[in-house]
Amino acid sequence: MNGLRVIPTWRHGQERLYVCLPDGRNIAWYDREAGRVNLLGEDREDDVLRALGPFLTGPVTVGPPPVPTPAELARLTLHPDDDLAPNRPGEALLVALDRDPGPARRLRPDPRRRALEAEQTVGDALDRLDGAGWHAVHSVPLPGGSRIHHLLIGPGGLFALHTLYARKQRVTVTDPMVTLGRREPTALLRGVRADADRASYALTAEVRPVLALVGPTAVSVPAAPREVRVLTDLEVQTLARQGGVLKPADVEALHAMARDRNTWTRV
């Protein structure tokens, strides 16, 4: 035995296996998705590979860690309080419910919990696109107390998604009005477009608006709304089928900007 320990960790849904000395210092890590063993020193390469032997799947590349890109360096220097990347889907609602859960018994369900379910459903679908070169930033705060529910960035461009809980409801979209079941119609699409416009200004890039409906029984869109795409939660992953707009370096640079809270203070 060479005294090395292998410790698995998870970050943003991806597994890394760290190789540690008996005193806890890291000397290497195995990125299974990239198929790469990153060595912090070449003198223990054989020992590291022996320790990782039971965990290696397929051929791997062995060498020093890759030089970080400018976008990666920006993320490394970002203060944790300013980093929006760890935000969970519905982060703002989770915080609000934690601070004020509301009465234990109420005649009608708390609308915040239905809104949270909608954001979590759509957010989970977007997070599954991460391995395909896309990044989602959730619950992006905007000045004035509003926020973008989800911002999706990838090869096909940028999308600002507004989610709407529509479980077992029929939805009719007549720009700019959205009618949910038998409720009074609201001019929801104006706000959806306005949020995308603010994101475009902050990121100096085109951001397209999307209305994501969660669980509707039927959706009626007599005429396509101006600029806004209307999708159900089962369709939001189709956004990833679009490509050829942004290069990988541009995606990373825009993601680095979007996850910085300071980016959004001037919109």
C-alpha atoms as a PDB file:
ATOM      1  CA  MET A   1       0.000   0.000   0.000  1.00  0.00           C
ATOM      2  CA  ASN A   2       1.226   3.496  -0.810  1.00  0.00           C
ATOM      3  CA  GLY A   3      -0.818   5.264   1.887  1.00  0.00           C
ATOM      4  CA  LEU A   4      -2.940   7.213  -0.592  1.00  0.00           C
ATOM      5  CA  ARG A   5      -6.686   7.590  -0.139  1.00  0.00           C
ATOM      6  CA  VAL A   6      -9.337   8.133  -2.807  1.00  0.00           C
ATOM      7  CA  ILE A   7     -12.165  10.451  -1.744  1.00  0.00           C
ATOM      8  CA  PRO A   8     -15.195  10.975  -4.008  1.00  0.00           C
ATOM      9  CA  THR A   9     -16.876  14.402  -4.121  1.00  0.00           C
ATOM     10  CA  TRP A  10     -19.815  15.826  -6.015  1.00  0.00           C
ATOM     11  CA  ARG A  11     -20.102  19.371  -7.398  1.00  0.00           C
ATOM     12  CA  HIS A  12     -22.925  20.603  -9.646  1.00  0.00           C
ATOM     13  CA  GLY A  13     -23.950  17.006 -10.304  1.00  0.00           C
ATOM     14  CA  GLN A  14     -20.479  15.886 -11.459  1.00  0.00           C
ATOM     15  CA  GLU A  15     -18.259  13.417  -9.630  1.00  0.00           C
ATOM     16  CA  ARG A  16     -14.569  13.927  -8.935  1.00  0.00           C
ATOM     17  CA  LEU A  17     -12.275  11.448  -7.199  1.00  0.00           C
ATOM     18  CA  TYR A  18      -9.523  13.151  -5.212  1.00  0.00           C
ATOM     19  CA  VAL A  19      -6.320  11.305  -4.317  1.00  0.00           C
ATOM     20  CA  CYS A  20      -5.030  12.411  -0.917  1.00  0.00           C
ATOM     21  CA  LEU A  21      -1.915  11.867   1.171  1.00  0.00           C
ATOM     22  CA  PRO A  22      -2.311  10.501   4.732  1.00  0.00           C
ATOM     23  CA  ASP A  23      -2.193  14.115   6.033  1.00  0.00           C
ATOM     24  CA  GLY A  24      -5.186  15.067   3.840  1.00  0.00           C
ATOM     25  CA  ARG A  25      -3.356  17.018   1.125  1.00  0.00           C
ATOM     26  CA  ASN A  26      -4.619  16.481  -2.440  1.00  0.00           C
ATOM     27  CA  ILE A  27      -2.049  15.373  -4.988  1.00  0.00           C
ATOM     28  CA  ALA A  28      -4.358  14.464  -7.891  1.00  0.00           C
ATOM     29  CA  TRP A  29      -7.965  14.136  -8.981  1.00  0.00           C
ATOM     30  CA  TYR A  30      -9.789  12.015 -11.519  1.00  0.00           C
ATOM     31  CA  ASP A  31     -12.437  13.699 -13.652  1.00  0.00           C
ATOM     32  CA  ARG A  32     -14.470  10.723 -14.818  1.00  0.00           C
ATOM     33  CA  GLU A  33     -16.559  12.657 -17.337  1.00  0.00           C
ATOM     34  CA  ALA A  34     -13.475  14.130 -19.021  1.00  0.00           C
ATOM     35  CA  GLY A  35     -11.521  10.866 -18.715  1.00  0.00           C
ATOM     36  CA  ARG A  36      -8.558  12.708 -17.220  1.00  0.00           C
ATOM     37  CA  VAL A  37      -6.308  12.258 -14.188  1.00  0.00           C
ATOM     38  CA  ASN A  38      -4.887  15.629 -13.131  1.00  0.00           C
ATOM     39  CA  LEU A  39      -1.560  15.425 -11.272  1.00  0.00           C
ATOM     40  CA  LEU A  40      -0.282  18.184  -9.021  1.00  0.00           C
ATOM     41  CA  GLY A  41       3.160  16.555  -9.114  1.00  0.00           C
ATOM     42  CA  GLU A  42       4.704  13.985 -11.444  1.00  0.00           C
ATOM     43  CA  ASP A  43       6.709  12.153  -8.764  1.00  0.00           C
ATOM     44  CA  ARG A  44       3.690  10.106  -7.552  1.00  0.00           C
ATOM     45  CA  GLU A  45       2.113   9.271 -10.907  1.00  0.00           C
ATOM     46  CA  ASP A  46       2.490   5.486 -10.541  1.00  0.00           C
ATOM     47  CA  ASP A  47       1.137   5.553  -6.980  1.00  0.00           C
ATOM     48  CA  VAL A  48      -1.814   7.704  -8.008  1.00  0.00           C
ATOM     49  CA  LEU A  49      -2.751   5.389 -10.874  1.00  0.00           C
ATOM     50  CA  ARG A  50      -2.529   2.334  -8.621  1.00  0.00           C
ATOM     51  CA  ALA A  51      -4.804   3.999  -6.060  1.00  0.00           C
ATOM     52  CA  LEU A  52      -7.310   4.983  -8.747  1.00  0.00           C
ATOM     53  CA  GLY A  53      -7.121   1.608 -10.491  1.00  0.00           C
ATOM     54  CA  PRO A  54     -10.442   0.231  -9.190  1.00  0.00           C
ATOM     55  CA  PHE A  55     -12.238   3.453 -10.186  1.00  0.00           C
ATOM     56  CA  LEU A  56     -10.909   4.086 -13.691  1.00  0.00           C
ATOM     57  CA  THR A  57     -13.400   3.474 -16.495  1.00  0.00           C
ATOM     58  CA  GLY A  58     -11.839   3.229 -19.937  1.00  0.00           C
ATOM     59  CA  PRO A  59      -8.728   5.023 -21.201  1.00  0.00           C
ATOM     60  CA  VAL A  60      -7.633   8.173 -19.398  1.00  0.00           C
ATOM     61  CA  THR A  61      -5.316  11.088 -20.070  1.00  0.00           C
ATOM     62  CA  VAL A  62      -2.731  11.750 -17.364  1.00  0.00           C
ATOM     63  CA  GLY A  63      -0.996  15.069 -16.835  1.00  0.00           C
ATOM     64  CA  PRO A  64      -0.953  18.389 -14.996  1.00  0.00           C
ATOM     65  CA  PRO A  65      -4.246  20.275 -14.637  1.00  0.00           C
ATOM     66  CA  PRO A  66      -5.171  22.232 -17.777  1.00  0.00           C
ATOM     67  CA  VAL A  67      -4.453  25.943 -17.760  1.00  0.00           C
ATOM     68  CA  PRO A  68      -7.669  27.743 -16.777  1.00  0.00           C
ATOM     69  CA  THR A  69      -9.408  29.858 -19.381  1.00  0.00           C
ATOM     70  CA  PRO A  70     -10.150  33.549 -18.700  1.00  0.00           C
ATOM     71  CA  ALA A  71     -13.757  32.585 -17.885  1.00  0.00           C
ATOM     72  CA  GLU A  72     -12.570  29.955 -15.391  1.00  0.00           C
ATOM     73  CA  LEU A  73     -10.198  32.447 -13.780  1.00  0.00           C
ATOM     74  CA  ALA A  74     -13.095  34.892 -13.423  1.00  0.00           C
ATOM     75  CA  ARG A  75     -15.119  32.237 -11.619  1.00  0.00           C
ATOM     76  CA  LEU A  76     -12.229  31.402  -9.320  1.00  0.00           C
ATOM     77  CA  THR A  77     -11.870  35.045  -8.276  1.00  0.00           C
ATOM     78  CA  LEU A  78     -15.616  35.565  -7.768  1.00  0.00           C
ATOM     79  CA  HIS A  79     -16.586  36.126  -4.129  1.00  0.00           C
ATOM     80  CA  PRO A  80     -18.926  33.339  -2.896  1.00  0.00           C
ATOM     81  CA  ASP A  81     -21.587  35.887  -1.880  1.00  0.00           C
ATOM     82  CA  ASP A  82     -21.654  37.205  -5.467  1.00  0.00           C
ATOM     83  CA  ASP A  83     -21.764  33.804  -7.176  1.00  0.00           C
ATOM     84  CA  LEU A  84     -25.248  32.874  -8.410  1.00  0.00           C
ATOM     85  CA  ALA A  85     -24.195  29.485  -9.800  1.00  0.00           C
ATOM     86  CA  PRO A  86     -25.045  27.588  -6.558  1.00  0.00           C
ATOM     87  CA  ASN A  87     -28.626  28.919  -6.685  1.00  0.00           C
ATOM     88  CA  ARG A  88     -31.161  26.113  -6.665  1.00  0.00           C
ATOM     89  CA  PRO A  89     -34.221  26.302  -8.910  1.00  0.00           C
ATOM     90  CA  GLY A  90     -36.651  28.511  -7.013  1.00  0.00           C
ATOM     91  CA  GLU A  91     -33.924  29.754  -4.676  1.00  0.00           C
ATOM     92  CA  ALA A  92     -35.747  32.995  -3.834  1.00  0.00           C
ATOM     93  CA  LEU A  93     -38.972  31.132  -3.031  1.00  0.00           C
ATOM     94  CA  LEU A  94     -37.123  28.599  -0.890  1.00  0.00           C
ATOM     95  CA  VAL A  95     -35.604  31.413   1.156  1.00  0.00           C
ATOM     96  CA  ALA A  96     -38.961  33.188   1.472  1.00  0.00           C
ATOM     97  CA  LEU A  97     -40.757  30.026   2.608  1.00  0.00           C
ATOM     98  CA  ASP A  98     -38.005  29.278   5.091  1.00  0.00           C
ATOM     99  CA  ARG A  99     -38.346  32.746   6.617  1.00  0.00           C
ATOM    100  CA  ASP A 100     -42.149  32.783   6.552  1.00  0.00           C
ATOM    101  CA  PRO A 101     -43.728  29.335   6.083  1.00  0.00           C
ATOM    102  CA  GLY A 102     -47.228  30.773   6.517  1.00  0.00           C
ATOM    103  CA  PRO A 103     -50.006  29.288   8.658  1.00  0.00           C
ATOM    104  CA  ALA A 104     -49.964  25.532   9.161  1.00  0.00           C
ATOM    105  CA  ARG A 105     -53.591  25.288   8.105  1.00  0.00           C
ATOM    106  CA  ARG A 106     -55.079  27.321   5.310  1.00  0.00           C
ATOM    107  CA  LEU A 107     -58.137  26.950   3.117  1.00  0.00           C
ATOM    108  CA  ARG A 108     -56.167  27.206  -0.127  1.00  0.00           C
ATOM    109  CA  PRO A 109     -52.653  25.995  -0.996  1.00  0.00           C
ATOM    110  CA  ASP A 110     -49.920  28.588  -0.622  1.00  0.00           C
ATOM    111  CA  PRO A 111     -49.375  29.958  -4.171  1.00  0.00           C
ATOM    112  CA  ARG A 112     -45.660  30.258  -3.405  1.00  0.00           C
ATOM    113  CA  ARG A 113     -45.408  26.478  -3.125  1.00  0.00           C
ATOM    114  CA  ARG A 114     -47.054  25.970  -6.494  1.00  0.00           C
ATOM    115  CA  ALA A 115     -44.719  28.543  -8.024  1.00  0.00           C
ATOM    116  CA  LEU A 116     -41.789  26.744  -6.386  1.00  0.00           C
ATOM    117  CA  GLU A 117     -42.903  23.409  -7.836  1.00  0.00           C
ATOM    118  CA  ALA A 118     -43.017  24.996 -11.283  1.00  0.00           C
ATOM    119  CA  GLU A 119     -39.524  26.486 -10.991  1.00  0.00           C
ATOM    120  CA  GLN A 120     -38.072  23.250  -9.632  1.00  0.00           C
ATOM    121  CA  THR A 121     -39.635  21.185 -12.417  1.00  0.00           C
ATOM    122  CA  VAL A 122     -38.277  23.422 -15.170  1.00  0.00           C
ATOM    123  CA  GLY A 123     -34.958  24.007 -13.385  1.00  0.00           C
ATOM    124  CA  ASP A 124     -34.288  20.289 -13.013  1.00  0.00           C
ATOM    125  CA  ALA A 125     -34.921  19.801 -16.734  1.00  0.00           C
ATOM    126  CA  LEU A 126     -32.488  22.596 -17.590  1.00  0.00           C
ATOM    127  CA  ASP A 127     -29.807  21.278 -15.233  1.00  0.00           C
ATOM    128  CA  ARG A 128     -29.834  17.988 -17.133  1.00  0.00           C
ATOM    129  CA  LEU A 129     -28.501  19.875 -20.169  1.00  0.00           C
ATOM    130  CA  ASP A 130     -25.239  20.703 -18.394  1.00  0.00           C
ATOM    131  CA  GLY A 131     -23.306  17.840 -19.965  1.00  0.00           C
ATOM    132  CA  ALA A 132     -24.323  18.994 -23.448  1.00  0.00           C
ATOM    133  CA  GLY A 133     -22.465  22.299 -23.182  1.00  0.00           C
ATOM    134  CA  TRP A 134     -25.307  24.317 -21.662  1.00  0.00           C
ATOM    135  CA  HIS A 135     -25.402  26.211 -18.356  1.00  0.00           C
ATOM    136  CA  ALA A 136     -28.442  27.281 -16.336  1.00  0.00           C
ATOM    137  CA  VAL A 137     -28.422  30.047 -13.735  1.00  0.00           C
ATOM    138  CA  HIS A 138     -31.497  30.051 -11.520  1.00  0.00           C
ATOM    139  CA  SER A 139     -33.362  32.787  -9.675  1.00  0.00           C
ATOM    140  CA  VAL A 140     -31.363  35.713 -11.076  1.00  0.00           C
ATOM    141  CA  PRO A 141     -32.157  38.834  -8.976  1.00  0.00           C
ATOM    142  CA  LEU A 142     -32.985  42.082 -10.747  1.00  0.00           C
ATOM    143  CA  PRO A 143     -33.177  45.589  -9.264  1.00  0.00           C
ATOM    144  CA  GLY A 144     -36.648  46.415  -7.995  1.00  0.00           C
ATOM    145  CA  GLY A 145     -37.314  43.004  -6.471  1.00  0.00           C
ATOM    146  CA  SER A 146     -38.087  41.057  -9.664  1.00  0.00           C
ATOM    147  CA  ARG A 147     -36.017  38.174 -10.977  1.00  0.00           C
ATOM    148  CA  ILE A 148     -35.444  35.916 -13.934  1.00  0.00           C
ATOM    149  CA  HIS A 149     -36.599  32.424 -13.012  1.00  0.00           C
ATOM    150  CA  HIS A 150     -34.020  30.681 -15.211  1.00  0.00           C
ATOM    151  CA  LEU A 151     -31.304  31.844 -17.590  1.00  0.00           C
ATOM    152  CA  LEU A 152     -30.086  29.203 -20.061  1.00  0.00           C
ATOM    153  CA  ILE A 153     -26.801  29.717 -21.921  1.00  0.00           C
ATOM    154  CA  GLY A 154     -25.391  27.378 -24.537  1.00  0.00           C
ATOM    155  CA  PRO A 155     -24.393  26.794 -28.150  1.00  0.00           C
ATOM    156  CA  GLY A 156     -27.887  27.748 -29.321  1.00  0.00           C
ATOM    157  CA  GLY A 157     -27.831  31.139 -27.608  1.00  0.00           C
ATOM    158  CA  LEU A 158     -29.336  32.614 -24.446  1.00  0.00           C
ATOM    159  CA  PHE A 159     -32.870  32.175 -23.120  1.00  0.00           C
ATOM    160  CA  ALA A 160     -34.690  33.825 -20.214  1.00  0.00           C
ATOM    161  CA  LEU A 161     -37.379  31.446 -18.962  1.00  0.00           C
ATOM    162  CA  HIS A 162     -40.412  32.443 -16.912  1.00  0.00           C
ATOM    163  CA  THR A 163     -42.251  29.479 -15.402  1.00  0.00           C
ATOM    164  CA  LEU A 164     -45.990  29.269 -14.752  1.00  0.00           C
ATOM    165  CA  TYR A 165     -47.731  26.616 -12.666  1.00  0.00           C
ATOM    166  CA  ALA A 166     -50.585  25.295 -14.816  1.00  0.00           C
ATOM    167  CA  ARG A 167     -51.218  21.834 -13.372  1.00  0.00           C
ATOM    168  CA  LYS A 168     -54.462  20.373 -14.791  1.00  0.00           C
ATOM    169  CA  GLN A 169     -55.353  23.728 -16.353  1.00  0.00           C
ATOM    170  CA  ARG A 170     -56.047  24.808 -19.908  1.00  0.00           C
ATOM    171  CA  VAL A 171     -53.829  27.707 -20.984  1.00  0.00           C
ATOM    172  CA  THR A 172     -54.684  30.190 -23.722  1.00  0.00           C
ATOM    173  CA  VAL A 173     -52.023  32.589 -24.992  1.00  0.00           C
ATOM    174  CA  THR A 174     -53.205  35.637 -26.934  1.00  0.00           C
ATOM    175  CA  ASP A 175     -50.313  38.086 -26.969  1.00  0.00           C
ATOM    176  CA  PRO A 176     -49.774  39.738 -24.533  1.00  0.00           C
ATOM    177  CA  MET A 177     -52.487  38.016 -22.472  1.00  0.00           C
ATOM    178  CA  VAL A 178     -52.236  34.592 -20.826  1.00  0.00           C
ATOM    179  CA  THR A 179     -55.381  32.923 -19.494  1.00  0.00           C
ATOM    180  CA  LEU A 180     -55.043  30.113 -16.966  1.00  0.00           C
ATOM    181  CA  GLY A 181     -58.166  27.988 -16.623  1.00  0.00           C
ATOM    182  CA  ARG A 182     -61.147  30.187 -15.723  1.00  0.00           C
ATOM    183  CA  ARG A 183     -59.080  32.972 -14.248  1.00  0.00           C
ATOM    184  CA  GLU A 184     -58.938  36.479 -15.585  1.00  0.00           C
ATOM    185  CA  PRO A 185     -56.301  36.899 -18.318  1.00  0.00           C
ATOM    186  CA  THR A 186     -53.114  38.759 -17.412  1.00  0.00           C
ATOM    187  CA  ALA A 187     -50.598  40.551 -19.631  1.00  0.00           C
ATOM    188  CA  LEU A 188     -47.866  38.104 -18.593  1.00  0.00           C
ATOM    189  CA  LEU A 189     -45.919  38.185 -21.859  1.00  0.00           C
ATOM    190  CA  ARG A 190     -45.043  41.854 -21.382  1.00  0.00           C
ATOM    191  CA  GLY A 191     -43.094  40.962 -18.247  1.00  0.00           C
ATOM    192  CA  VAL A 192     -41.507  37.922 -19.916  1.00  0.00           C
ATOM    193  CA  ARG A 193     -40.205  40.119 -22.747  1.00  0.00           C
ATOM    194  CA  ALA A 194     -39.110  42.854 -20.351  1.00  0.00           C
ATOM    195  CA  ASP A 195     -37.006  40.402 -18.306  1.00  0.00           C
ATOM    196  CA  ALA A 196     -35.299  39.125 -21.466  1.00  0.00           C
ATOM    197  CA  ASP A 197     -34.609  42.713 -22.574  1.00  0.00           C
ATOM    198  CA  ARG A 198     -32.991  43.488 -19.210  1.00  0.00           C
ATOM    199  CA  ALA A 199     -30.857  40.369 -19.489  1.00  0.00           C
ATOM    200  CA  SER A 200     -29.800  41.372 -23.003  1.00  0.00           C
ATOM    201  CA  TYR A 201     -28.711  44.763 -21.700  1.00  0.00           C
ATOM    202  CA  ALA A 202     -26.756  43.256 -18.776  1.00  0.00           C
ATOM    203  CA  LEU A 203     -24.954  40.637 -20.869  1.00  0.00           C
ATOM    204  CA  THR A 204     -24.656  42.726 -24.077  1.00  0.00           C
ATOM    205  CA  ALA A 205     -25.999  39.736 -26.006  1.00  0.00           C
ATOM    206  CA  GLU A 206     -29.374  38.728 -27.403  1.00  0.00           C
ATOM    207  CA  VAL A 207     -31.495  36.900 -24.823  1.00  0.00           C
ATOM    208  CA  ARG A 208     -34.698  35.309 -26.105  1.00  0.00           C
ATOM    209  CA  PRO A 209     -37.800  35.103 -23.879  1.00  0.00           C
ATOM    210  CA  VAL A 210     -39.519  31.799 -23.102  1.00  0.00           C
ATOM    211  CA  LEU A 211     -42.729  31.075 -21.198  1.00  0.00           C
ATOM    212  CA  ALA A 212     -42.533  27.592 -19.646  1.00  0.00           C
ATOM    213  CA  LEU A 213     -45.899  26.089 -18.636  1.00  0.00           C
ATOM    214  CA  VAL A 214     -45.781  23.310 -16.040  1.00  0.00           C
ATOM    215  CA  GLY A 215     -48.357  20.532 -16.246  1.00  0.00           C
ATOM    216  CA  PRO A 216     -51.106  22.065 -18.459  1.00  0.00           C
ATOM    217  CA  THR A 217     -53.864  19.822 -19.806  1.00  0.00           C
ATOM    218  CA  ALA A 218     -53.976  21.830 -23.049  1.00  0.00           C
ATOM    219  CA  VAL A 219     -52.265  24.854 -24.554  1.00  0.00           C
ATOM    220  CA  SER A 220     -53.931  27.096 -27.116  1.00  0.00           C
ATOM    221  CA  VAL A 221     -51.842  29.642 -29.016  1.00  0.00           C
ATOM    222  CA  PRO A 222     -54.006  31.014 -31.840  1.00  0.00           C
ATOM    223  CA  ALA A 223     -51.162  33.184 -33.165  1.00  0.00           C
ATOM    224  CA  ALA A 224     -47.458  32.975 -32.364  1.00  0.00           C
ATOM    225  CA  PRO A 225     -46.560  35.652 -29.780  1.00  0.00           C
ATOM    226  CA  ARG A 226     -44.025  38.281 -30.753  1.00  0.00           C
ATOM    227  CA  GLU A 227     -40.534  36.976 -29.878  1.00  0.00           C
ATOM    228  CA  VAL A 228     -41.738  34.735 -27.020  1.00  0.00           C
ATOM    229  CA  ARG A 229     -41.568  30.952 -27.273  1.00  0.00           C
ATOM    230  CA  VAL A 230     -44.261  29.063 -25.362  1.00  0.00           C
ATOM    231  CA  LEU A 231     -43.217  25.590 -24.179  1.00  0.00           C
ATOM    232  CA  THR A 232     -44.397  23.044 -21.630  1.00  0.00           C
ATOM    233  CA  ASP A 233     -42.039  21.636 -19.006  1.00  0.00           C
ATOM    234  CA  LEU A 234     -41.762  18.492 -21.157  1.00  0.00           C
ATOM    235  CA  GLU A 235     -40.509  20.582 -24.075  1.00  0.00           C
ATOM    236  CA  VAL A 236     -37.935  22.923 -22.497  1.00  0.00           C
ATOM    237  CA  GLN A 237     -35.073  20.527 -23.241  1.00  0.00           C
ATOM    238  CA  THR A 238     -35.752  21.015 -26.956  1.00  0.00           C
ATOM    239  CA  LEU A 239     -34.011  24.374 -26.581  1.00  0.00           C
ATOM    240  CA  ALA A 240     -30.734  22.425 -26.551  1.00  0.00           C
ATOM    241  CA  ARG A 241     -31.344  21.164 -30.078  1.00  0.00           C
ATOM    242  CA  GLN A 242     -30.446  24.585 -31.404  1.00  0.00           C
ATOM    243  CA  GLY A 243     -26.787  25.155 -32.133  1.00  0.00           C
ATOM    244  CA  GLY A 244     -24.321  27.135 -34.168  1.00  0.00           C
ATOM    245  CA  VAL A 245     -24.881  30.493 -32.470  1.00  0.00           C
ATOM    246  CA  LEU A 246     -22.176  30.634 -29.800  1.00  0.00           C
ATOM    247  CA  LYS A 247     -18.708  29.124 -29.644  1.00  0.00           C
ATOM    248  CA  PRO A 248     -17.736  27.210 -26.458  1.00  0.00           C
ATOM    249  CA  ALA A 249     -15.473  30.064 -25.320  1.00  0.00           C
ATOM    250  CA  ASP A 250     -18.341  32.537 -25.742  1.00  0.00           C
ATOM    251  CA  VAL A 251     -20.675  30.285 -23.761  1.00  0.00           C
ATOM    252  CA  GLU A 252     -18.196  30.113 -20.894  1.00  0.00           C
ATOM    253  CA  ALA A 253     -17.556  33.862 -20.928  1.00  0.00           C
ATOM    254  CA  LEU A 254     -21.288  34.675 -20.864  1.00  0.00           C
ATOM    255  CA  HIS A 255     -21.857  32.135 -18.110  1.00  0.00           C
ATOM    256  CA  ALA A 256     -19.115  33.763 -16.045  1.00  0.00           C
ATOM    257  CA  MET A 257     -20.856  37.134 -16.477  1.00  0.00           C
ATOM    258  CA  ALA A 258     -24.331  35.763 -15.749  1.00  0.00           C
ATOM    259  CA  ARG A 259     -23.362  34.082 -12.496  1.00  0.00           C
ATOM    260  CA  ASP A 260     -21.832  37.305 -11.109  1.00  0.00           C
ATOM    261  CA  ARG A 261     -24.448  39.122  -9.010  1.00  0.00           C
ATOM    262  CA  ASN A 262     -22.790  42.443  -9.830  1.00  0.00           C
ATOM    263  CA  THR A 263     -23.687  42.009 -13.520  1.00  0.00           C
ATOM    264  CA  TRP A 264     -27.354  42.506 -12.673  1.00  0.00           C
ATOM    265  CA  THR A 265     -27.137  45.595 -10.473  1.00  0.00           C
ATOM    266  CA  ARG A 266     -27.167  48.010 -13.414  1.00  0.00           C
ATOM    267  CA  VAL A 267     -30.255  46.821 -15.347  1.00  0.00           C
END
